[in-house]
Amino acid sequence: MGIILLFYFIIIFVIIGLSILQIFKLRKEINFNKTIFYSILVSILFLLITDLKYANSKEVYAFEPFFLIPFMTIVIPFVLGAILNVLKKEKLKIISNSLIISILISIIVMIIFNEYLDVIERFNLKIYY
């Protein structure tokens, strides 16, 4: 399982690097403050969806939080942002940029509130292997 997690986290770090590069390109954009506001909302939304998933669970696979939390907060916004970025419409571009920025906001929130991400203890879930 460790090798799978290593490969998965390498992909996550590549996505984070690509997001940082894209954000440096976005700094000169006119609607940057609006984009930041939307990205904070999107980041909170994805974290709440993840918490609701665990709040409604009775038992959880031991390694599921290591896969699901980064998938919900990093991979899904990156894929949606990349798809919307390809469409080249102005309104979709704001949403796409918000999704990309929400990745970094989610990472910052996960680093600051790391103790609250232990969903197994917080929701008192049974673990199965």
C-alpha atoms as a PDB file:
ATOM      1  CA  MET A   1       0.000   0.000   0.000  1.00  0.00           C
ATOM      2  CA  GLY A   2       2.944   2.310   0.651  1.00  0.00           C
ATOM      3  CA  ILE A   3       4.096   2.173  -2.969  1.00  0.00           C
ATOM      4  CA  ILE A   4       0.613   3.066  -4.179  1.00  0.00           C
ATOM      5  CA  LEU A   5       0.482   5.978  -1.731  1.00  0.00           C
ATOM      6  CA  LEU A   6       3.928   7.145  -2.865  1.00  0.00           C
ATOM      7  CA  PHE A   7       2.876   7.153  -6.523  1.00  0.00           C
ATOM      8  CA  TYR A   8      -0.391   8.889  -5.627  1.00  0.00           C
ATOM      9  CA  PHE A   9       1.365  11.595  -3.604  1.00  0.00           C
ATOM     10  CA  ILE A  10       3.889  12.170  -6.410  1.00  0.00           C
ATOM     11  CA  ILE A  11       0.945  12.855  -8.725  1.00  0.00           C
ATOM     12  CA  ILE A  12      -0.551  15.176  -6.091  1.00  0.00           C
ATOM     13  CA  PHE A  13       2.729  17.137  -5.821  1.00  0.00           C
ATOM     14  CA  VAL A  14       2.906  17.467  -9.623  1.00  0.00           C
ATOM     15  CA  ILE A  15      -0.644  18.850  -9.626  1.00  0.00           C
ATOM     16  CA  ILE A  16       0.301  21.294  -6.859  1.00  0.00           C
ATOM     17  CA  GLY A  17       3.351  22.428  -8.848  1.00  0.00           C
ATOM     18  CA  LEU A  18       1.277  22.956 -11.990  1.00  0.00           C
ATOM     19  CA  SER A  19      -1.274  24.910  -9.961  1.00  0.00           C
ATOM     20  CA  ILE A  20       1.416  27.185  -8.535  1.00  0.00           C
ATOM     21  CA  LEU A  21       2.767  27.864 -12.022  1.00  0.00           C
ATOM     22  CA  GLN A  22      -0.698  28.679 -13.315  1.00  0.00           C
ATOM     23  CA  ILE A  23      -1.377  31.023 -10.388  1.00  0.00           C
ATOM     24  CA  PHE A  24       1.793  32.982 -11.176  1.00  0.00           C
ATOM     25  CA  LYS A  25       0.395  33.482 -14.673  1.00  0.00           C
ATOM     26  CA  LEU A  26      -2.938  34.666 -13.217  1.00  0.00           C
ATOM     27  CA  ARG A  27      -1.500  37.415 -11.011  1.00  0.00           C
ATOM     28  CA  LYS A  28      -1.892  40.037 -13.739  1.00  0.00           C
ATOM     29  CA  GLU A  29      -5.544  39.263 -14.331  1.00  0.00           C
ATOM     30  CA  ILE A  30      -8.135  41.992 -13.787  1.00  0.00           C
ATOM     31  CA  ASN A  31     -10.639  39.916 -11.763  1.00  0.00           C
ATOM     32  CA  PHE A  32      -8.058  38.432  -9.408  1.00  0.00           C
ATOM     33  CA  ASN A  33      -9.831  39.541  -6.174  1.00  0.00           C
ATOM     34  CA  LYS A  34     -13.122  38.087  -7.391  1.00  0.00           C
ATOM     35  CA  THR A  35     -11.323  34.878  -8.299  1.00  0.00           C
ATOM     36  CA  ILE A  36      -9.768  34.652  -4.816  1.00  0.00           C
ATOM     37  CA  PHE A  37     -13.200  35.032  -3.199  1.00  0.00           C
ATOM     38  CA  TYR A  38     -14.698  32.276  -5.357  1.00  0.00           C
ATOM     39  CA  SER A  39     -11.743  30.003  -4.727  1.00  0.00           C
ATOM     40  CA  ILE A  40     -12.139  30.342  -0.952  1.00  0.00           C
ATOM     41  CA  LEU A  41     -15.791  29.355  -1.313  1.00  0.00           C
ATOM     42  CA  VAL A  42     -14.924  26.395  -3.552  1.00  0.00           C
ATOM     43  CA  SER A  43     -12.226  25.246  -1.157  1.00  0.00           C
ATOM     44  CA  ILE A  44     -14.600  25.337   1.805  1.00  0.00           C
ATOM     45  CA  LEU A  45     -17.255  23.539  -0.251  1.00  0.00           C
ATOM     46  CA  PHE A  46     -14.944  20.641  -1.158  1.00  0.00           C
ATOM     47  CA  LEU A  47     -13.754  20.302   2.443  1.00  0.00           C
ATOM     48  CA  LEU A  48     -17.361  20.276   3.690  1.00  0.00           C
ATOM     49  CA  ILE A  49     -18.320  17.624   1.127  1.00  0.00           C
ATOM     50  CA  THR A  50     -15.439  15.485   2.359  1.00  0.00           C
ATOM     51  CA  ASP A  51     -16.513  15.940   5.987  1.00  0.00           C
ATOM     52  CA  LEU A  52     -20.130  15.112   5.152  1.00  0.00           C
ATOM     53  CA  LYS A  53     -19.015  11.911   3.473  1.00  0.00           C
ATOM     54  CA  TYR A  54     -17.269  10.785   6.647  1.00  0.00           C
ATOM     55  CA  ALA A  55     -20.026  12.072   8.940  1.00  0.00           C
ATOM     56  CA  ASN A  56     -22.485   9.749   7.199  1.00  0.00           C
ATOM     57  CA  SER A  57     -20.191   6.708   7.349  1.00  0.00           C
ATOM     58  CA  LYS A  58     -20.173   4.001   9.988  1.00  0.00           C
ATOM     59  CA  GLU A  59     -16.853   2.397   9.079  1.00  0.00           C
ATOM     60  CA  VAL A  60     -14.003   3.332   6.820  1.00  0.00           C
ATOM     61  CA  TYR A  61     -11.067   1.641   5.151  1.00  0.00           C
ATOM     62  CA  ALA A  62      -7.846   2.438   7.040  1.00  0.00           C
ATOM     63  CA  PHE A  63      -6.145   4.263   4.154  1.00  0.00           C
ATOM     64  CA  GLU A  64      -9.250   5.929   2.711  1.00  0.00           C
ATOM     65  CA  PRO A  65      -8.582   9.398   4.219  1.00  0.00           C
ATOM     66  CA  PHE A  66      -5.126   9.397   2.600  1.00  0.00           C
ATOM     67  CA  PHE A  67      -6.758   8.886  -0.793  1.00  0.00           C
ATOM     68  CA  LEU A  68     -10.120  10.643  -0.523  1.00  0.00           C
ATOM     69  CA  ILE A  69      -9.162  13.952   1.094  1.00  0.00           C
ATOM     70  CA  PRO A  70      -6.462  14.830  -1.494  1.00  0.00           C
ATOM     71  CA  PHE A  71      -8.691  13.514  -4.277  1.00  0.00           C
ATOM     72  CA  MET A  72     -11.611  15.727  -3.244  1.00  0.00           C
ATOM     73  CA  THR A  73      -9.572  18.845  -2.504  1.00  0.00           C
ATOM     74  CA  ILE A  74      -6.791  18.656  -5.108  1.00  0.00           C
ATOM     75  CA  VAL A  75      -7.478  16.260  -7.987  1.00  0.00           C
ATOM     76  CA  ILE A  76     -11.150  17.064  -8.670  1.00  0.00           C
ATOM     77  CA  PRO A  77     -10.671  20.881  -8.690  1.00  0.00           C
ATOM     78  CA  PHE A  78      -7.584  20.501 -10.901  1.00  0.00           C
ATOM     79  CA  VAL A  79      -9.350  18.287 -13.445  1.00  0.00           C
ATOM     80  CA  LEU A  80     -12.455  20.500 -13.510  1.00  0.00           C
ATOM     81  CA  GLY A  81     -10.279  23.615 -13.823  1.00  0.00           C
ATOM     82  CA  ALA A  82      -8.288  22.088 -16.684  1.00  0.00           C
ATOM     83  CA  ILE A  83     -11.468  21.080 -18.532  1.00  0.00           C
ATOM     84  CA  LEU A  84     -13.030  24.529 -18.101  1.00  0.00           C
ATOM     85  CA  ASN A  85      -9.764  26.201 -19.126  1.00  0.00           C
ATOM     86  CA  VAL A  86      -9.811  24.357 -22.458  1.00  0.00           C
ATOM     87  CA  LEU A  87     -13.284  25.714 -23.326  1.00  0.00           C
ATOM     88  CA  LYS A  88     -11.922  29.310 -23.660  1.00  0.00           C
ATOM     89  CA  LYS A  89     -15.036  31.182 -22.490  1.00  0.00           C
ATOM     90  CA  GLU A  90     -14.578  34.202 -20.234  1.00  0.00           C
ATOM     91  CA  LYS A  91     -17.099  33.246 -17.529  1.00  0.00           C
ATOM     92  CA  LEU A  92     -15.784  29.694 -17.440  1.00  0.00           C
ATOM     93  CA  LYS A  93     -12.245  31.052 -17.198  1.00  0.00           C
ATOM     94  CA  ILE A  94     -13.067  32.753 -13.880  1.00  0.00           C
ATOM     95  CA  ILE A  95     -14.471  29.471 -12.551  1.00  0.00           C
ATOM     96  CA  SER A  96     -11.449  27.581 -13.882  1.00  0.00           C
ATOM     97  CA  ASN A  97      -9.029  29.986 -12.229  1.00  0.00           C
ATOM     98  CA  SER A  98     -11.014  29.810  -8.986  1.00  0.00           C
ATOM     99  CA  LEU A  99     -10.754  26.020  -8.997  1.00  0.00           C
ATOM    100  CA  ILE A 100      -6.993  26.150  -9.536  1.00  0.00           C
ATOM    101  CA  ILE A 101      -6.492  28.697  -6.747  1.00  0.00           C
ATOM    102  CA  SER A 102      -8.787  26.687  -4.458  1.00  0.00           C
ATOM    103  CA  ILE A 103      -6.241  23.863  -4.599  1.00  0.00           C
ATOM    104  CA  LEU A 104      -3.632  26.007  -2.865  1.00  0.00           C
ATOM    105  CA  ILE A 105      -6.163  27.421  -0.417  1.00  0.00           C
ATOM    106  CA  SER A 106      -7.222  23.866   0.479  1.00  0.00           C
ATOM    107  CA  ILE A 107      -3.596  22.901   1.034  1.00  0.00           C
ATOM    108  CA  ILE A 108      -3.048  25.897   3.306  1.00  0.00           C
ATOM    109  CA  VAL A 109      -6.220  25.077   5.255  1.00  0.00           C
ATOM    110  CA  MET A 110      -5.174  21.418   5.559  1.00  0.00           C
ATOM    111  CA  ILE A 111      -1.745  22.421   6.877  1.00  0.00           C
ATOM    112  CA  ILE A 112      -3.124  24.920   9.397  1.00  0.00           C
ATOM    113  CA  PHE A 113      -5.993  22.707  10.606  1.00  0.00           C
ATOM    114  CA  ASN A 114      -4.184  19.388  10.343  1.00  0.00           C
ATOM    115  CA  GLU A 115      -5.522  18.047  13.642  1.00  0.00           C
ATOM    116  CA  TYR A 116      -9.109  18.386  12.355  1.00  0.00           C
ATOM    117  CA  LEU A 117      -8.391  16.217   9.316  1.00  0.00           C
ATOM    118  CA  ASP A 118      -8.158  13.060  11.388  1.00  0.00           C
ATOM    119  CA  VAL A 119     -11.674  12.101  10.379  1.00  0.00           C
ATOM    120  CA  ILE A 120     -11.455   8.584  11.787  1.00  0.00           C
ATOM    121  CA  GLU A 121     -11.101   9.852  15.363  1.00  0.00           C
ATOM    122  CA  ARG A 122     -13.271  12.925  14.950  1.00  0.00           C
ATOM    123  CA  PHE A 123     -16.287  11.000  13.628  1.00  0.00           C
ATOM    124  CA  ASN A 124     -15.494   7.914  15.746  1.00  0.00           C
ATOM    125  CA  LEU A 125     -15.441   5.582  12.733  1.00  0.00           C
ATOM    126  CA  LYS A 126     -14.666   1.891  12.799  1.00  0.00           C
ATOM    127  CA  ILE A 127     -11.640   0.919  10.739  1.00  0.00           C
ATOM    128  CA  TYR A 128     -11.459  -2.103   8.495  1.00  0.00           C
ATOM    129  CA  TYR A 129      -8.420  -3.351   6.610  1.00  0.00           C
END
